[in-house]
Protein backbone atom coordinates (compact mmCIF):
# COMPACT_ATOMS: atom_id res chain seq x y z
CA MET A 1 0.00 0.00 0.00
CA LYS A 2 1.40 3.28 -1.10
CA ILE A 3 0.11 6.68 -0.01
CA SER A 4 0.77 9.62 -2.21
CA LEU A 5 0.03 13.16 -1.18
CA GLU A 6 0.45 16.34 -3.04
CA LEU A 7 2.29 19.23 -1.45
CA TRP A 8 -0.81 21.16 -0.45
CA GLN A 9 -2.30 18.02 1.14
CA ALA A 10 0.90 17.36 3.10
CA LEU A 11 1.03 21.00 4.25
CA SER A 12 -2.64 20.86 5.22
CA LEU A 13 -2.01 17.68 7.21
CA VAL A 14 1.02 19.19 8.98
CA LEU A 15 -0.92 22.39 9.75
CA ALA A 16 -3.85 20.37 11.07
CA LEU A 17 -1.52 18.34 13.32
CA LEU A 18 0.21 21.53 14.51
CA GLY A 19 -3.17 23.14 15.16
CA THR A 20 -4.25 20.10 17.17
CA LEU A 21 -0.99 20.20 19.12
CA VAL A 22 -1.35 23.94 19.82
CA GLY A 23 -4.95 23.36 20.91
CA LEU A 24 -3.92 20.57 23.29
CA VAL A 25 -1.14 22.74 24.75
CA LYS A 26 -3.58 25.63 25.25
CA TRP A 27 -6.07 23.29 26.91
CA GLY A 28 -3.35 21.89 29.19
CA ILE A 29 -2.17 25.37 30.14
CA GLY A 30 -5.78 26.34 30.86
CA GLN A 31 -6.19 23.32 33.14
CA ILE A 32 -2.97 24.13 34.98
CA LYS A 33 -3.99 27.78 35.33
CA ALA A 34 -7.40 26.78 36.70
CA SER A 35 -5.73 24.47 39.20
CA ILE A 36 -3.31 27.20 40.29
CA ASP A 37 -6.16 29.71 40.61
CA GLN A 38 -8.11 27.28 42.77
CA ARG A 39 -5.10 26.67 45.04
CA MET A 40 -4.38 30.39 45.29
CA ALA A 41 -7.98 31.02 46.33
CA GLY A 42 -7.50 28.44 49.08
CA PHE A 43 -4.26 30.11 50.14
CA GLU A 44 -5.93 33.52 50.21
CA LYS A 45 -8.74 32.14 52.35
CA ALA A 46 -6.20 30.60 54.74
CA ALA A 47 -4.21 33.84 54.77
CA GLU A 48 -7.37 35.73 55.73
CA GLY A 49 -7.80 33.37 58.67
CA TRP A 50 -4.19 34.01 59.67
CA ARG A 51 -4.74 37.77 59.39
CA LYS A 52 -7.73 37.45 61.73
CA GLN A 53 -5.64 35.43 64.19
CA GLU A 54 -2.87 38.01 64.01
CA LEU A 55 -5.30 40.86 64.71
CA ASP A 56 -6.78 38.92 67.64
CA LEU A 57 -3.28 38.34 69.01
CA LEU A 58 -2.38 42.02 68.68
CA GLY A 59 -5.60 42.92 70.48
CA LEU A 60 -4.77 40.48 73.26
CA ARG A 61 -1.28 41.93 73.62
CA ALA A 62 -2.73 45.44 73.88
CA GLU A 63 -5.26 44.24 76.47
CA LEU A 64 -2.56 42.48 78.48
CA ALA A 65 -0.45 45.63 78.55
CA ARG A 66 -3.44 47.68 79.68
CA GLU A 67 -5.07 45.28 82.16
CA TYR A 68 -2.23 43.33 83.76
CA VAL A 69 0.92 44.26 85.68
CA ARG A 70 4.22 42.51 85.19
CA ARG A 71 5.50 40.50 88.14
CA ASP A 72 8.57 42.72 88.63
CA ASP A 73 6.45 45.88 88.63
CA HIS A 74 4.06 44.36 91.14
CA ILE A 75 6.90 43.33 93.48
CA ARG A 76 8.45 46.80 93.23
CA SER A 77 5.19 48.62 94.00
CA GLN A 78 4.36 46.16 96.79
CA THR A 79 7.79 46.81 98.34
CA VAL A 80 7.18 50.56 98.22
CA ILE A 81 3.77 50.17 99.85
CA GLU A 82 5.18 47.94 102.60
CA ALA A 83 8.00 50.43 103.25
CA LYS A 84 5.47 53.25 103.60
CA LEU A 85 3.34 51.16 105.94
CA ASP A 86 6.41 50.36 108.03
CA ALA A 87 7.24 54.08 108.22
CA ILE A 88 3.66 54.88 109.32
CA ASN A 89 3.84 52.09 111.89
CA SER A 90 7.10 53.50 113.25
CA GLU A 91 5.57 56.96 113.49
CA ILE A 92 2.53 55.60 115.33
CA LYS A 93 4.76 53.71 117.78
CA SER A 94 6.92 56.79 118.42
CA ILE A 95 3.79 58.90 119.01
CA GLN A 96 2.45 56.24 121.40
CA ILE A 97 5.78 56.15 123.26
CA GLN A 98 5.85 59.97 123.49
CA GLY A 99 2.24 59.99 124.70
CA ALA A 100 2.99 57.34 127.32
CA ARG A 101 5.98 59.38 128.58
CA ARG A 102 3.86 62.52 128.92
CA GLU A 103 1.24 60.71 130.98
CA HIS A 104 3.76 59.44 133.55
């Protein structure tokens, strides 16, 4: 069996095969692009969740700074208060001693 083609038929066949190949490549690229777009949408949705978590964390940090005292600061202020109370106690004792001396 022998197939004979004229030049225009061979060119038409080659162009048809090239057209089919280009069409398949375009279809494949479209499928890949659709897959990438779908994944990116998922990533963007996840990123939005992370942004919300980050904002919540920043709000918590601001609240902690406003509502709570660090341990060192608490110890320092408690020490100052106790020193003042001790000074008041000493003054009261000295006044009581002076008062007791005046009565005798």
